[in-house]
Protein backbone atom coordinates (compact mmCIF):
# COMPACT_ATOMS: atom_id res chain seq x y z
CA MET A 1 79.42 110.89 103.74
CA ILE A 2 77.70 109.11 100.84
CA ASP A 3 76.98 105.39 100.85
CA ARG A 4 73.86 104.52 98.86
CA GLY A 5 74.53 100.83 98.27
CA LYS A 6 75.00 98.84 95.09
CA PHE A 7 73.59 99.61 91.64
CA ASN A 8 73.52 97.54 88.47
CA LEU A 9 75.96 98.76 85.82
CA LEU A 10 75.84 96.33 82.86
CA GLY A 11 75.34 93.45 85.31
CA VAL A 12 78.17 94.49 87.62
CA GLN A 13 77.15 95.74 91.06
CA VAL A 14 78.88 99.09 91.66
CA ASP A 15 78.63 100.94 94.98
CA ALA A 16 77.46 104.56 95.00
CA VAL A 17 79.94 105.81 97.59
CA ASP A 18 82.31 108.70 98.11
CA TYR A 19 85.77 108.49 99.71
CA GLU A 20 84.43 109.01 103.21
CA GLY A 21 81.81 106.28 102.79
CA ALA A 22 84.31 103.83 101.30
CA VAL A 23 86.91 104.44 104.01
CA ALA A 24 84.28 104.11 106.75
CA ARG A 25 83.23 100.69 105.45
CA ILE A 26 86.82 99.50 105.11
CA MET A 27 87.72 100.68 108.63
CA THR A 28 84.67 98.92 110.09
CA ALA A 29 85.72 95.67 108.43
CA THR A 30 89.29 96.19 109.65
CA GLU A 31 88.16 96.73 113.23
CA GLN A 32 85.92 93.66 113.12
CA ARG A 33 88.51 91.49 111.29
CA GLU A 34 86.04 90.63 108.55
CA PRO A 35 86.87 89.22 105.11
CA TYR A 36 86.18 92.19 102.86
CA GLY A 37 87.01 92.39 99.18
CA VAL A 38 87.40 95.87 97.69
CA SER A 39 88.07 97.12 94.18
CA ALA A 40 87.84 100.47 92.43
CA LEU A 41 86.75 99.83 88.85
CA ALA A 42 87.24 101.90 85.74
CA VAL A 43 85.61 101.00 82.41
CA HIS A 44 88.11 98.22 81.69
CA GLY A 45 87.34 96.55 85.03
CA VAL A 46 83.59 96.75 84.49
CA MET A 47 83.86 95.40 80.94
CA THR A 48 86.01 92.49 82.09
CA GLY A 49 83.06 91.49 84.25
CA VAL A 50 80.58 92.05 81.42
CA LEU A 51 82.49 89.78 79.05
CA ASP A 52 83.43 87.01 81.49
CA GLU A 53 80.69 85.28 83.50
CA GLU A 54 83.09 83.86 86.07
CA HIS A 55 84.73 87.20 86.65
CA ARG A 56 81.35 88.91 86.91
CA TYR A 57 80.54 86.44 89.68
CA ARG A 58 83.77 87.40 91.46
CA LEU A 59 83.11 91.13 91.18
CA ASN A 60 79.56 90.73 92.43
CA HIS A 61 80.86 88.85 95.47
CA LEU A 62 83.25 91.61 96.50
CA GLU A 63 81.89 93.63 99.38
CA LEU A 64 82.81 97.04 97.93
CA VAL A 65 83.19 97.98 94.26
CA ALA A 66 83.83 101.70 93.99
CA PRO A 67 83.40 103.80 90.82
CA ASP A 68 87.03 104.55 89.95
CA GLY A 69 86.58 105.96 86.45
CA GLN A 70 84.55 109.04 85.66
CA PRO A 71 82.60 107.13 82.96
CA VAL A 72 81.66 104.56 85.62
CA ARG A 73 80.41 107.32 87.92
CA TRP A 74 78.57 108.96 85.03
CA GLY A 75 77.07 105.57 84.14
CA ILE A 76 75.49 104.86 87.53
CA ASN A 77 74.37 108.49 87.84
CA TRP A 78 72.71 108.33 84.41
CA LEU A 79 71.08 104.95 84.96
CA HIS A 80 70.11 105.23 88.61
CA ARG A 81 70.25 108.94 89.54
CA THR A 82 72.70 108.24 92.35
CA GLY A 83 73.88 111.85 92.36
CA LEU A 84 77.56 111.09 92.95
CA ALA A 85 79.56 114.28 92.62
CA SER A 86 82.96 112.60 92.38
CA ARG A 87 84.50 109.25 91.62
CA VAL A 88 86.47 107.10 94.08
CA TYR A 89 89.86 106.94 92.38
CA GLY A 90 91.79 103.83 93.44
CA PRO A 91 95.16 105.55 94.03
CA GLN A 92 93.50 108.28 96.11
CA LEU A 93 91.44 105.68 98.00
CA MET A 94 94.70 103.95 98.91
CA LEU A 95 96.04 107.19 100.40
CA GLU A 96 92.82 107.85 102.32
CA VAL A 97 92.89 104.33 103.79
CA CYS A 98 96.57 104.69 104.69
CA ARG A 99 95.78 107.95 106.48
CA ALA A 100 92.95 106.30 108.41
CA CYS A 101 95.16 103.33 109.34
CA ALA A 102 97.94 105.63 110.55
CA GLU A 103 95.47 107.51 112.74
CA ARG A 104 94.00 104.31 114.20
CA GLY A 105 97.24 102.36 114.57
CA PHE A 106 96.31 99.62 112.08
CA ALA A 107 99.27 98.02 110.31
CA ILE A 108 98.98 97.41 106.58
CA ALA A 109 100.54 94.98 104.10
CA LEU A 110 101.48 95.44 100.45
CA PHE A 111 101.35 92.62 97.91
CA GLY A 112 102.42 92.79 94.27
CA GLY A 113 105.10 94.23 92.05
CA SER A 114 108.86 93.81 92.47
CA ASP A 115 111.09 94.20 95.52
CA GLU A 116 112.43 97.43 94.07
CA LEU A 117 108.94 98.86 93.55
CA LEU A 118 107.79 97.87 97.04
CA GLU A 119 110.90 99.37 98.65
CA LYS A 120 110.25 102.73 96.99
CA LEU A 121 106.51 102.56 97.75
CA HIS A 122 107.22 101.73 101.41
CA GLN A 123 109.59 104.70 101.67
CA ARG A 124 107.16 107.17 100.14
CA LEU A 125 104.14 106.01 102.14
CA VAL A 126 105.87 106.30 105.53
CA GLU A 127 107.24 109.71 104.53
CA ARG A 128 103.71 110.83 103.73
CA PHE A 129 102.11 109.17 106.77
CA PRO A 130 104.72 109.05 109.59
CA GLY A 131 102.43 107.02 111.86
CA LEU A 132 101.82 104.31 109.26
CA HIS A 133 103.19 100.85 110.04
CA ILE A 134 103.79 98.61 107.03
CA ALA A 135 103.98 95.13 108.50
CA ALA A 136 104.74 93.27 105.26
CA ALA A 137 105.70 94.09 101.67
CA ILE A 138 105.60 90.94 99.55
CA PRO A 139 106.55 90.96 95.85
CA SER A 140 104.66 89.11 93.17
CA LYS A 141 106.03 85.84 91.83
CA PHE A 142 104.53 86.86 88.44
CA ARG A 143 102.93 83.47 88.00
CA THR A 144 100.04 81.38 89.31
CA LEU A 145 100.60 80.18 92.87
CA ARG A 146 100.34 76.58 93.99
CA ALA A 147 97.90 75.68 96.77
CA GLU A 148 100.71 75.27 99.32
CA GLU A 149 102.10 78.67 98.32
CA LYS A 150 98.70 80.24 98.95
CA GLN A 151 98.61 78.76 102.44
CA ALA A 152 102.13 79.98 103.18
CA LEU A 153 101.25 83.46 101.92
CA VAL A 154 98.08 83.57 104.04
CA GLU A 155 100.07 82.57 107.13
CA GLN A 156 102.78 85.13 106.36
CA LEU A 157 100.24 87.94 106.07
CA GLN A 158 98.27 86.88 109.14
CA ASN A 159 101.42 86.49 111.26
CA SER A 160 102.77 89.87 110.15
CA GLY A 161 100.25 91.75 112.26
CA ALA A 162 98.75 93.51 109.22
CA ARG A 163 95.06 94.34 109.53
CA LEU A 164 94.47 94.88 105.80
CA VAL A 165 96.35 94.28 102.57
CA PHE A 166 96.66 96.36 99.42
CA VAL A 167 97.05 94.36 96.21
CA GLY A 168 98.68 95.80 93.12
CA LEU A 169 98.61 93.13 90.40
CA GLY A 170 96.69 94.94 87.67
CA CYS A 171 93.13 94.32 86.50
CA PRO A 172 91.66 91.69 86.53
CA ARG A 173 94.33 89.63 88.36
CA GLN A 174 94.06 91.72 91.52
CA GLU A 175 90.27 91.30 91.71
CA VAL A 176 90.72 87.55 91.28
CA TRP A 177 93.27 87.66 94.13
CA ALA A 178 90.90 89.61 96.38
CA PHE A 179 88.09 87.13 95.70
CA GLU A 180 90.27 84.07 96.28
CA PHE A 181 92.13 85.29 99.39
CA LYS A 182 89.68 87.40 101.40
CA GLU A 183 87.96 84.56 103.25
CA ALA A 184 91.23 82.87 104.21
CA LEU A 185 92.84 86.14 105.35
CA ARG A 186 89.78 87.46 107.21
CA MET A 187 90.77 91.07 106.62
CA PRO A 188 90.08 93.71 103.97
CA VAL A 189 91.83 93.00 100.67
CA ILE A 190 91.94 96.16 98.56
CA ALA A 191 92.76 95.98 94.84
CA VAL A 192 94.29 99.31 93.83
CA GLY A 193 95.62 98.77 90.31
CA ALA A 194 98.34 101.16 89.20
CA ALA A 195 98.43 102.91 92.60
CA PHE A 196 101.67 101.13 93.55
CA ASN A 197 103.45 102.49 90.48
CA PHE A 198 101.93 105.96 90.87
CA HIS A 199 102.82 106.37 94.54
CA ALA A 200 106.30 104.88 94.07
CA GLY A 201 106.98 107.46 91.34
CA ARG A 202 107.27 104.87 88.58
CA LEU A 203 104.31 106.17 86.55
CA SER A 204 102.97 109.70 86.21
CA GLN A 205 99.30 110.46 86.80
CA ALA A 206 97.10 112.40 84.42
CA PRO A 207 96.68 116.12 85.11
CA SER A 208 93.72 116.88 87.34
CA TRP A 209 91.76 118.54 84.52
CA MET A 210 92.02 115.38 82.42
CA GLN A 211 90.89 113.26 85.36
CA ARG A 212 87.87 115.51 85.96
CA ALA A 213 86.96 115.38 82.27
CA GLY A 214 87.12 111.58 82.14
CA LEU A 215 90.19 111.67 79.88
CA GLU A 216 92.63 109.82 82.12
CA TRP A 217 92.42 106.88 79.71
CA LEU A 218 93.81 109.12 76.93
CA TYR A 219 96.75 110.18 79.07
CA ARG A 220 97.55 106.59 80.03
CA LEU A 221 97.22 105.51 76.41
CA GLY A 222 99.83 108.11 75.51
CA CYS A 223 102.14 106.79 78.24
CA GLU A 224 101.71 103.08 77.46
CA PRO A 225 100.29 102.81 73.92
CA ARG A 226 101.52 99.30 73.10
CA ARG A 227 100.07 97.79 76.28
CA LEU A 228 96.78 99.70 76.45
CA TRP A 229 95.60 100.50 72.93
CA ARG A 230 93.37 97.43 72.54
CA ARG A 231 91.75 98.07 75.91
CA TYR A 232 90.69 101.60 75.06
CA VAL A 233 90.04 101.38 71.32
CA PHE A 234 87.63 98.45 71.63
CA LEU A 235 86.24 98.49 75.16
CA ASN A 236 85.44 102.18 75.62
CA PRO A 237 83.04 102.42 72.61
CA TYR A 238 81.50 99.05 73.52
CA TYR A 239 80.90 100.28 77.07
CA LEU A 240 79.05 103.34 75.77
CA TRP A 241 76.91 101.22 73.43
CA LEU A 242 75.93 98.80 76.21
CA LEU A 243 75.23 101.69 78.56
CA MET A 244 72.77 103.07 76.00
CA CYS A 245 71.18 99.62 75.67
CA GLN A 246 70.68 99.39 79.42
CA ARG A 247 69.28 102.91 79.64
CA LEU A 248 66.79 102.29 76.81
CA LYS A 249 65.97 98.78 78.13
CA LEU A 250 67.02 97.22 74.84
CA ARG A 251 68.92 94.53 76.71
CA ARG A 252 68.76 93.06 80.20
CA PHE A 253 71.86 92.94 82.37
CA PRO A 254 71.00 90.71 85.36
CA THR A 255 73.45 90.69 88.26
CA ASP A 256 72.72 87.12 89.32
CA ASN A 257 73.74 85.28 86.17
CA GLY A 258 77.46 85.13 86.75
CA ARG A 259 78.99 81.65 86.82
CA PRO A 260 80.86 80.53 89.95
CA PRO A 261 84.51 79.88 89.05
CA GLN A 262 85.05 76.21 88.24
CA ARG A 263 88.47 76.19 89.87
CA GLU A 264 90.47 78.37 92.18
CA ILE A 265 92.91 80.69 90.40
CA LEU A 266 95.75 82.07 92.50
CA PRO A 267 97.56 84.89 90.71
CA GLY A 268 100.71 85.86 92.51
């Protein structure tokens, strides 16, 4: 098990963990009923924090930020010699946590996407993990929630018997959700990005060789070019440039200069 703590990647605190270390921390928080925000960040997620002071504050106040993308793993290895041999891919982390919950008898909740997506995801997860209990599957309203809707949602999740909740709203909305809801829910809130669509069979995943080579972004660009081209064409080269600046100490990237959000945002 690897769990070496947090390291500064362009001002975003990323945890040098493997799957076993990440799952162990999440299960401890589940057992102790602690508020615990989790995200697995690829380059886009890191750069969202770099470019937005309020979002950087949110990310740096999540308890676990795992290196989802290979370039993120390479970045903290290059800057800090963390020696991570593999990334912690969000969709795979979701499966590992589901397996651990099934073994321990912890119920889970799913939040995000449509009713149709959640129905298919529910079916596939319980087929894969027969002992897994999904206590709630709540679709997104695809808009910002009102304060009273947040309270109703918190009560619904707490009363369901779920001990943790997976959130699939896309980056950065799901990280905002984890930050805004974790204290009220007092349970792990795990942002898993496209995992809902992958595990429900709605999107295909990149071949393993492309994932190992850090080319998953290219595969996803080919699948969804109109939605993703700006993200990859502009942010990937900028990430590499800033990584070089941090390595050569041409620019400082403090982790304590994020700005607390001026108002609560409740994506739902």
